[in-house]
């Protein structure tokens, strides 16, 4: 495989990726409430704050944690790819 088409297998057959995401969401829902990205958390905050089921401060901490995790993952990715290349 050349460098220009490394992501091609995922594009050609997304079923394994989708099944993996399904499993992560299915088994992680009880632990995290399926807050895997900030948009889901934000919509949950807006929809359930009126009913008193979800705290806004907790939602903000979830969102900040999600962005911090994404930032750390990006830094780790740069470090790994800098060593490989």
PDB file of N, CA and C in Angstrom:
ATOM      1  N   UNK A   1       0.829  -1.180   0.000  1.00  0.00           N
ATOM      2  CA  UNK A   1       0.000   0.000   0.000  1.00  0.00           C
ATOM      3  C   UNK A   1       0.875   1.247   0.000  1.00  0.00           C
ATOM      4  N   UNK A   2       0.551   2.205  -0.796  1.00  0.00           N
ATOM      5  CA  UNK A   2       1.311   3.450  -0.806  1.00  0.00           C
ATOM      6  C   UNK A   2       0.733   4.438   0.192  1.00  0.00           C
ATOM      7  N   UNK A   3       1.477   5.506   0.443  1.00  0.00           N
ATOM      8  CA  UNK A   3       1.020   6.499   1.416  1.00  0.00           C
ATOM      9  C   UNK A   3      -0.231   7.235   0.963  1.00  0.00           C
ATOM     10  N   UNK A   4      -0.463   7.316  -0.328  1.00  0.00           N
ATOM     11  CA  UNK A   4      -1.595   8.085  -0.822  1.00  0.00           C
ATOM     12  C   UNK A   4      -2.947   7.413  -0.583  1.00  0.00           C
ATOM     13  N   UNK A   5      -2.968   6.101  -0.355  1.00  0.00           N
ATOM     14  CA  UNK A   5      -4.251   5.422  -0.179  1.00  0.00           C
ATOM     15  C   UNK A   5      -4.291   4.571   1.092  1.00  0.00           C
ATOM     16  N   UNK A   6      -3.682   5.033   2.177  1.00  0.00           N
ATOM     17  CA  UNK A   6      -3.656   4.268   3.417  1.00  0.00           C
ATOM     18  C   UNK A   6      -5.048   4.113   4.030  1.00  0.00           C
ATOM     19  N   UNK A   7      -5.913   5.105   3.898  1.00  0.00           N
ATOM     20  CA  UNK A   7      -7.244   5.046   4.500  1.00  0.00           C
ATOM     21  C   UNK A   7      -8.262   4.378   3.584  1.00  0.00           C
ATOM     22  N   UNK A   8      -7.857   3.945   2.440  1.00  0.00           N
ATOM     23  CA  UNK A   8      -8.777   3.370   1.468  1.00  0.00           C
ATOM     24  C   UNK A   8      -9.542   2.144   1.974  1.00  0.00           C
ATOM     25  N   UNK A   9      -8.940   1.211   2.719  1.00  0.00           N
ATOM     26  CA  UNK A   9      -9.734   0.065   3.186  1.00  0.00           C
ATOM     27  C   UNK A   9     -10.931   0.462   4.046  1.00  0.00           C
ATOM     28  N   UNK A  10     -10.820   1.499   4.854  1.00  0.00           N
ATOM     29  CA  UNK A  10     -11.951   1.945   5.664  1.00  0.00           C
ATOM     30  C   UNK A  10     -13.047   2.517   4.773  1.00  0.00           C
ATOM     31  N   UNK A  11     -12.659   3.226   3.721  1.00  0.00           N
ATOM     32  CA  UNK A  11     -13.635   3.815   2.808  1.00  0.00           C
ATOM     33  C   UNK A  11     -14.327   2.725   1.993  1.00  0.00           C
ATOM     34  N   UNK A  12     -13.577   1.719   1.599  1.00  0.00           N
ATOM     35  CA  UNK A  12     -14.150   0.649   0.796  1.00  0.00           C
ATOM     36  C   UNK A  12     -15.105  -0.236   1.587  1.00  0.00           C
ATOM     37  N   UNK A  13     -14.795  -0.486   2.860  1.00  0.00           N
ATOM     38  CA  UNK A  13     -15.624  -1.371   3.665  1.00  0.00           C
ATOM     39  C   UNK A  13     -15.778  -0.782   5.072  1.00  0.00           C
ATOM     40  N   UNK A  14     -16.768   0.079   5.283  1.00  0.00           N
ATOM     41  CA  UNK A  14     -16.930   0.703   6.590  1.00  0.00           C
ATOM     42  C   UNK A  14     -17.631  -0.187   7.623  1.00  0.00           C
ATOM     43  N   UNK A  15     -18.072  -1.380   7.232  1.00  0.00           N
ATOM     44  CA  UNK A  15     -18.814  -2.244   8.154  1.00  0.00           C
ATOM     45  C   UNK A  15     -18.031  -2.590   9.422  1.00  0.00           C
ATOM     46  N   UNK A  16     -16.744  -2.974   9.347  1.00  0.00           N
ATOM     47  CA  UNK A  16     -16.025  -3.276  10.598  1.00  0.00           C
ATOM     48  C   UNK A  16     -15.909  -2.061  11.519  1.00  0.00           C
ATOM     49  N   UNK A  17     -15.700  -0.889  10.955  1.00  0.00           N
ATOM     50  CA  UNK A  17     -15.624   0.330  11.757  1.00  0.00           C
ATOM     51  C   UNK A  17     -16.960   0.616  12.431  1.00  0.00           C
ATOM     52  N   UNK A  18     -18.043   0.498  11.689  1.00  0.00           N
ATOM     53  CA  UNK A  18     -19.367   0.742  12.260  1.00  0.00           C
ATOM     54  C   UNK A  18     -19.726  -0.286  13.320  1.00  0.00           C
ATOM     55  N   UNK A  19     -19.361  -1.526  13.113  1.00  0.00           N
ATOM     56  CA  UNK A  19     -19.631  -2.558  14.121  1.00  0.00           C
ATOM     57  C   UNK A  19     -18.822  -2.295  15.387  1.00  0.00           C
ATOM     58  N   UNK A  20     -17.581  -1.852  15.227  1.00  0.00           N
ATOM     59  CA  UNK A  20     -16.766  -1.506  16.387  1.00  0.00           C
ATOM     60  C   UNK A  20     -17.362  -0.352  17.166  1.00  0.00           C
ATOM     61  N   UNK A  21     -17.825   0.659  16.455  1.00  0.00           N
ATOM     62  CA  UNK A  21     -18.462   1.798  17.121  1.00  0.00           C
ATOM     63  C   UNK A  21     -19.741   1.361  17.821  1.00  0.00           C
ATOM     64  N   UNK A  22     -20.501   0.487  17.201  1.00  0.00           N
ATOM     65  CA  UNK A  22     -21.730  -0.025  17.806  1.00  0.00           C
ATOM     66  C   UNK A  22     -21.432  -0.727  19.128  1.00  0.00           C
ATOM     67  N   UNK A  23     -20.393  -1.551  19.133  1.00  0.00           N
ATOM     68  CA  UNK A  23     -20.040  -2.286  20.351  1.00  0.00           C
ATOM     69  C   UNK A  23     -19.591  -1.322  21.449  1.00  0.00           C
ATOM     70  N   UNK A  24     -18.777  -0.333  21.101  1.00  0.00           N
ATOM     71  CA  UNK A  24     -18.315   0.638  22.084  1.00  0.00           C
ATOM     72  C   UNK A  24     -19.489   1.406  22.674  1.00  0.00           C
ATOM     73  N   UNK A  25     -20.399   1.849  21.844  1.00  0.00           N
ATOM     74  CA  UNK A  25     -21.562   2.596  22.329  1.00  0.00           C
ATOM     75  C   UNK A  25     -22.474   1.694  23.152  1.00  0.00           C
ATOM     76  N   UNK A  26     -22.687   0.469  22.704  1.00  0.00           N
ATOM     77  CA  UNK A  26     -23.578  -0.452  23.407  1.00  0.00           C
ATOM     78  C   UNK A  26     -23.076  -0.759  24.816  1.00  0.00           C
ATOM     79  N   UNK A  27     -21.799  -1.078  24.943  1.00  0.00           N
ATOM     80  CA  UNK A  27     -21.275  -1.457  26.245  1.00  0.00           C
ATOM     81  C   UNK A  27     -20.853  -0.263  27.097  1.00  0.00           C
ATOM     82  N   UNK A  28     -20.630   0.890  26.491  1.00  0.00           N
ATOM     83  CA  UNK A  28     -20.223   2.055  27.258  1.00  0.00           C
ATOM     84  C   UNK A  28     -21.368   2.946  27.688  1.00  0.00           C
ATOM     85  N   UNK A  29     -22.568   2.670  27.233  1.00  0.00           N
ATOM     86  CA  UNK A  29     -23.710   3.537  27.530  1.00  0.00           C
ATOM     87  C   UNK A  29     -24.020   3.585  29.017  1.00  0.00           C
ATOM     88  N   UNK A  30     -23.897   2.467  29.696  1.00  0.00           N
ATOM     89  CA  UNK A  30     -24.200   2.460  31.127  1.00  0.00           C
ATOM     90  C   UNK A  30     -23.158   3.230  31.926  1.00  0.00           C
ATOM     91  N   UNK A  31     -21.944   3.269  31.453  1.00  0.00           N
ATOM     92  CA  UNK A  31     -20.870   3.939  32.180  1.00  0.00           C
ATOM     93  C   UNK A  31     -20.901   5.441  31.933  1.00  0.00           C
ATOM     94  N   UNK A  32     -20.956   5.845  30.674  1.00  0.00           N
ATOM     95  CA  UNK A  32     -20.832   7.263  30.348  1.00  0.00           C
ATOM     96  C   UNK A  32     -22.129   7.900  29.873  1.00  0.00           C
ATOM     97  N   UNK A  33     -23.160   7.141  29.682  1.00  0.00           N
ATOM     98  CA  UNK A  33     -24.387   7.699  29.135  1.00  0.00           C
ATOM     99  C   UNK A  33     -24.284   7.987  27.650  1.00  0.00           C
ATOM    100  N   UNK A  34     -23.304   7.384  26.993  1.00  0.00           N
ATOM    101  CA  UNK A  34     -23.037   7.556  25.550  1.00  0.00           C
ATOM    102  C   UNK A  34     -22.688   8.989  25.178  1.00  0.00           C
ATOM    103  N   UNK A  35     -22.011   9.684  26.039  1.00  0.00           N
ATOM    104  CA  UNK A  35     -21.540  11.040  25.735  1.00  0.00           C
ATOM    105  C   UNK A  35     -20.181  10.929  25.056  1.00  0.00           C
ATOM    106  N   UNK A  36     -20.180  10.574  23.778  1.00  0.00           N
ATOM    107  CA  UNK A  36     -18.928  10.362  23.066  1.00  0.00           C
ATOM    108  C   UNK A  36     -18.475  11.578  22.266  1.00  0.00           C
ATOM    109  N   UNK A  37     -19.304  12.561  22.105  1.00  0.00           N
ATOM    110  CA  UNK A  37     -18.846  13.802  21.490  1.00  0.00           C
ATOM    111  C   UNK A  37     -19.631  14.969  22.085  1.00  0.00           C
ATOM    112  N   UNK A  38     -19.087  16.186  21.987  1.00  0.00           N
ATOM    113  CA  UNK A  38     -19.713  17.339  22.639  1.00  0.00           C
ATOM    114  C   UNK A  38     -21.116  17.666  22.143  1.00  0.00           C
ATOM    115  N   UNK A  39     -21.429  17.373  20.895  1.00  0.00           N
ATOM    116  CA  UNK A  39     -22.762  17.685  20.388  1.00  0.00           C
ATOM    117  C   UNK A  39     -23.826  16.825  21.071  1.00  0.00           C
ATOM    118  N   UNK A  40     -23.528  15.562  21.298  1.00  0.00           N
ATOM    119  CA  UNK A  40     -24.470  14.705  22.010  1.00  0.00           C
ATOM    120  C   UNK A  40     -24.671  15.209  23.429  1.00  0.00           C
ATOM    121  N   UNK A  41     -23.573  15.571  24.098  1.00  0.00           N
ATOM    122  CA  UNK A  41     -23.666  16.083  25.463  1.00  0.00           C
ATOM    123  C   UNK A  41     -24.458  17.382  25.498  1.00  0.00           C
ATOM    124  N   UNK A  42     -24.195  18.279  24.557  1.00  0.00           N
ATOM    125  CA  UNK A  42     -24.901  19.554  24.523  1.00  0.00           C
ATOM    126  C   UNK A  42     -26.397  19.357  24.293  1.00  0.00           C
ATOM    127  N   UNK A  43     -26.747  18.485  23.359  1.00  0.00           N
ATOM    128  CA  UNK A  43     -28.170  18.250  23.105  1.00  0.00           C
ATOM    129  C   UNK A  43     -28.837  17.588  24.305  1.00  0.00           C
ATOM    130  N   UNK A  44     -28.110  16.737  24.991  1.00  0.00           N
ATOM    131  CA  UNK A  44     -28.646  16.114  26.198  1.00  0.00           C
ATOM    132  C   UNK A  44     -28.847  17.165  27.286  1.00  0.00           C
ATOM    133  N   UNK A  45     -27.920  18.104  27.399  1.00  0.00           N
ATOM    134  CA  UNK A  45     -28.058  19.192  28.378  1.00  0.00           C
ATOM    135  C   UNK A  45     -29.294  20.032  28.089  1.00  0.00           C
ATOM    136  N   UNK A  46     -29.478  20.401  26.836  1.00  0.00           N
ATOM    137  CA  UNK A  46     -30.608  21.253  26.458  1.00  0.00           C
ATOM    138  C   UNK A  46     -31.931  20.513  26.666  1.00  0.00           C
ATOM    139  N   UNK A  47     -31.982  19.264  26.267  1.00  0.00           N
ATOM    140  CA  UNK A  47     -33.229  18.514  26.342  1.00  0.00           C
ATOM    141  C   UNK A  47     -33.630  18.079  27.731  1.00  0.00           C
ATOM    142  N   UNK A  48     -32.659  17.815  28.595  1.00  0.00           N
ATOM    143  CA  UNK A  48     -32.990  17.235  29.896  1.00  0.00           C
ATOM    144  C   UNK A  48     -32.823  18.195  31.068  1.00  0.00           C
ATOM    145  N   UNK A  49     -32.291  19.384  30.849  1.00  0.00           N
ATOM    146  CA  UNK A  49     -32.161  20.343  31.943  1.00  0.00           C
ATOM    147  C   UNK A  49     -33.537  20.824  32.382  1.00  0.00           C
ATOM    148  N   UNK A  50     -34.403  20.991  31.432  1.00  0.00           N
ATOM    149  CA  UNK A  50     -35.757  21.463  31.764  1.00  0.00           C
ATOM    150  C   UNK A  50     -36.494  20.462  32.653  1.00  0.00           C
ATOM    151  N   UNK A  51     -36.182  19.199  32.492  1.00  0.00           N
ATOM    152  CA  UNK A  51     -36.831  18.168  33.288  1.00  0.00           C
ATOM    153  C   UNK A  51     -36.076  17.889  34.583  1.00  0.00           C
ATOM    154  N   UNK A  52     -34.931  18.539  34.781  1.00  0.00           N
ATOM    155  CA  UNK A  52     -34.134  18.345  35.986  1.00  0.00           C
ATOM    156  C   UNK A  52     -33.378  17.026  36.026  1.00  0.00           C
ATOM    157  N   UNK A  53     -33.096  16.429  34.852  1.00  0.00           N
ATOM    158  CA  UNK A  53     -32.428  15.132  34.816  1.00  0.00           C
ATOM    159  C   UNK A  53     -30.919  15.236  34.582  1.00  0.00           C
ATOM    160  N   UNK A  54     -30.430  16.389  34.151  1.00  0.00           N
ATOM    161  CA  UNK A  54     -29.009  16.503  33.828  1.00  0.00           C
ATOM    162  C   UNK A  54     -28.510  17.878  34.248  1.00  0.00           C
ATOM    163  N   UNK A  55     -27.447  17.901  35.007  1.00  0.00           N
ATOM    164  CA  UNK A  55     -26.894  19.140  35.537  1.00  0.00           C
ATOM    165  C   UNK A  55     -26.053  19.853  34.472  1.00  0.00           C
ATOM    166  N   UNK A  56     -26.215  21.151  34.355  1.00  0.00           N
ATOM    167  CA  UNK A  56     -25.450  21.923  33.364  1.00  0.00           C
ATOM    168  C   UNK A  56     -23.962  21.922  33.669  1.00  0.00           C
ATOM    169  N   UNK A  57     -23.598  22.018  34.936  1.00  0.00           N
ATOM    170  CA  UNK A  57     -22.182  22.021  35.309  1.00  0.00           C
ATOM    171  C   UNK A  57     -21.546  20.681  34.934  1.00  0.00           C
ATOM    172  N   UNK A  58     -22.239  19.590  35.203  1.00  0.00           N
ATOM    173  CA  UNK A  58     -21.734  18.277  34.810  1.00  0.00           C
ATOM    174  C   UNK A  58     -21.564  18.202  33.294  1.00  0.00           C
ATOM    175  N   UNK A  59     -22.505  18.739  32.554  1.00  0.00           N
ATOM    176  CA  UNK A  59     -22.408  18.758  31.095  1.00  0.00           C
ATOM    177  C   UNK A  59     -21.210  19.547  30.614  1.00  0.00           C
ATOM    178  N   UNK A  60     -20.935  20.679  31.242  1.00  0.00           N
ATOM    179  CA  UNK A  60     -19.762  21.472  30.859  1.00  0.00           C
ATOM    180  C   UNK A  60     -18.470  20.714  31.149  1.00  0.00           C
ATOM    181  N   UNK A  61     -18.412  20.009  32.270  1.00  0.00           N
ATOM    182  CA  UNK A  61     -17.237  19.193  32.570  1.00  0.00           C
ATOM    183  C   UNK A  61     -17.080  18.060  31.555  1.00  0.00           C
ATOM    184  N   UNK A  62     -18.178  17.457  31.144  1.00  0.00           N
ATOM    185  CA  UNK A  62     -18.123  16.417  30.107  1.00  0.00           C
ATOM    186  C   UNK A  62     -17.535  16.995  28.821  1.00  0.00           C
ATOM    187  N   UNK A  63     -18.031  18.156  28.411  1.00  0.00           N
ATOM    188  CA  UNK A  63     -17.569  18.765  27.161  1.00  0.00           C
ATOM    189  C   UNK A  63     -16.096  19.141  27.252  1.00  0.00           C
ATOM    190  N   UNK A  64     -15.682  19.732  28.357  1.00  0.00           N
ATOM    191  CA  UNK A  64     -14.267  20.080  28.524  1.00  0.00           C
ATOM    192  C   UNK A  64     -13.396  18.828  28.511  1.00  0.00           C
ATOM    193  N   UNK A  65     -13.855  17.767  29.123  1.00  0.00           N
ATOM    194  CA  UNK A  65     -13.103  16.510  29.126  1.00  0.00           C
ATOM    195  C   UNK A  65     -13.005  15.913  27.726  1.00  0.00           C
ATOM    196  N   UNK A  66     -14.076  16.027  26.949  1.00  0.00           N
ATOM    197  CA  UNK A  66     -14.063  15.505  25.584  1.00  0.00           C
ATOM    198  C   UNK A  66     -13.065  16.271  24.720  1.00  0.00           C
ATOM    199  N   UNK A  67     -13.041  17.592  24.852  1.00  0.00           N
ATOM    200  CA  UNK A  67     -12.068  18.384  24.090  1.00  0.00           C
ATOM    201  C   UNK A  67     -10.643  18.119  24.556  1.00  0.00           C
ATOM    202  N   UNK A  68     -10.438  17.955  25.861  1.00  0.00           N
ATOM    203  CA  UNK A  68      -9.097  17.654  26.374  1.00  0.00           C
ATOM    204  C   UNK A  68      -8.627  16.297  25.855  1.00  0.00           C
ATOM    205  N   UNK A  69      -9.511  15.315  25.822  1.00  0.00           N
ATOM    206  CA  UNK A  69      -9.154  14.004  25.285  1.00  0.00           C
ATOM    207  C   UNK A  69      -8.816  14.060  23.803  1.00  0.00           C
ATOM    208  N   UNK A  70      -9.557  14.845  23.055  1.00  0.00           N
ATOM    209  CA  UNK A  70      -9.275  14.989  21.626  1.00  0.00           C
ATOM    210  C   UNK A  70      -7.932  15.680  21.407  1.00  0.00           C
ATOM    211  N   UNK A  71      -7.644  16.683  22.217  1.00  0.00           N
ATOM    212  CA  UNK A  71      -6.364  17.388  22.108  1.00  0.00           C
ATOM    213  C   UNK A  71      -5.200  16.450  22.423  1.00  0.00           C
ATOM    214  N   UNK A  72      -5.317  15.691  23.500  1.00  0.00           N
ATOM    215  CA  UNK A  72      -4.255  14.748  23.858  1.00  0.00           C
ATOM    216  C   UNK A  72      -4.082  13.662  22.799  1.00  0.00           C
ATOM    217  N   UNK A  73      -5.183  13.194  22.228  1.00  0.00           N
ATOM    218  CA  UNK A  73      -5.090  12.194  21.161  1.00  0.00           C
ATOM    219  C   UNK A  73      -4.384  12.769  19.937  1.00  0.00           C
ATOM    220  N   UNK A  74      -4.670  14.022  19.606  1.00  0.00           N
ATOM    221  CA  UNK A  74      -4.001  14.661  18.475  1.00  0.00           C
ATOM    222  C   UNK A  74      -2.509  14.830  18.713  1.00  0.00           C
ATOM    223  N   UNK A  75      -2.143  15.220  19.936  1.00  0.00           N
ATOM    224  CA  UNK A  75      -0.719  15.372  20.271  1.00  0.00           C
ATOM    225  C   UNK A  75      -0.018  14.014  20.210  1.00  0.00           C
ATOM    226  N   UNK A  76      -0.644  12.996  20.768  1.00  0.00           N
ATOM    227  CA  UNK A  76      -0.069  11.651  20.717  1.00  0.00           C
ATOM    228  C   UNK A  76       0.087  11.172  19.276  1.00  0.00           C
ATOM    229  N   UNK A  77      -0.892  11.447  18.439  1.00  0.00           N
ATOM    230  CA  UNK A  77      -0.820  11.077  17.025  1.00  0.00           C
ATOM    231  C   UNK A  77       0.358  11.768  16.333  1.00  0.00           C
ATOM    232  N   UNK A  78       0.534  13.046  16.622  1.00  0.00           N
ATOM    233  CA  UNK A  78       1.673  13.766  16.029  1.00  0.00           C
ATOM    234  C   UNK A  78       3.002  13.189  16.499  1.00  0.00           C
ATOM    235  N   UNK A  79       3.087  12.839  17.768  1.00  0.00           N
ATOM    236  CA  UNK A  79       4.328  12.272  18.297  1.00  0.00           C
ATOM    237  C   UNK A  79       4.630  10.921  17.659  1.00  0.00           C
ATOM    238  N   UNK A  80       3.624  10.079  17.522  1.00  0.00           N
ATOM    239  CA  UNK A  80       3.839   8.756  16.931  1.00  0.00           C
ATOM    240  C   UNK A  80       4.206   8.874  15.460  1.00  0.00           C
ATOM    241  N   UNK A  81       3.520   9.728  14.723  1.00  0.00           N
ATOM    242  CA  UNK A  81       3.803   9.864  13.292  1.00  0.00           C
ATOM    243  C   UNK A  81       5.104  10.595  13.030  1.00  0.00           C
ATOM    244  N   UNK A  82       5.546  11.456  13.944  1.00  0.00           N
ATOM    245  CA  UNK A  82       6.819  12.146  13.775  1.00  0.00           C
ATOM    246  C   UNK A  82       7.979  11.138  13.893  1.00  0.00           C
ATOM    247  N   UNK A  83       7.834  10.160  14.784  1.00  0.00           N
ATOM    248  CA  UNK A  83       8.879   9.140  14.954  1.00  0.00           C
ATOM    249  C   UNK A  83       8.901   8.180  13.776  1.00  0.00           C
ATOM    250  N   UNK A  84       7.734   7.876  13.229  1.00  0.00           N
ATOM    251  CA  UNK A  84       7.652   6.923  12.125  1.00  0.00           C
ATOM    252  C   UNK A  84       8.152   7.525  10.820  1.00  0.00           C
ATOM    253  N   UNK A  85       7.983   8.815  10.648  1.00  0.00           N
ATOM    254  CA  UNK A  85       8.328   9.437   9.369  1.00  0.00           C
ATOM    255  C   UNK A  85       9.621  10.092   9.434  1.00  0.00           C
TER     256      UNK A  85
END
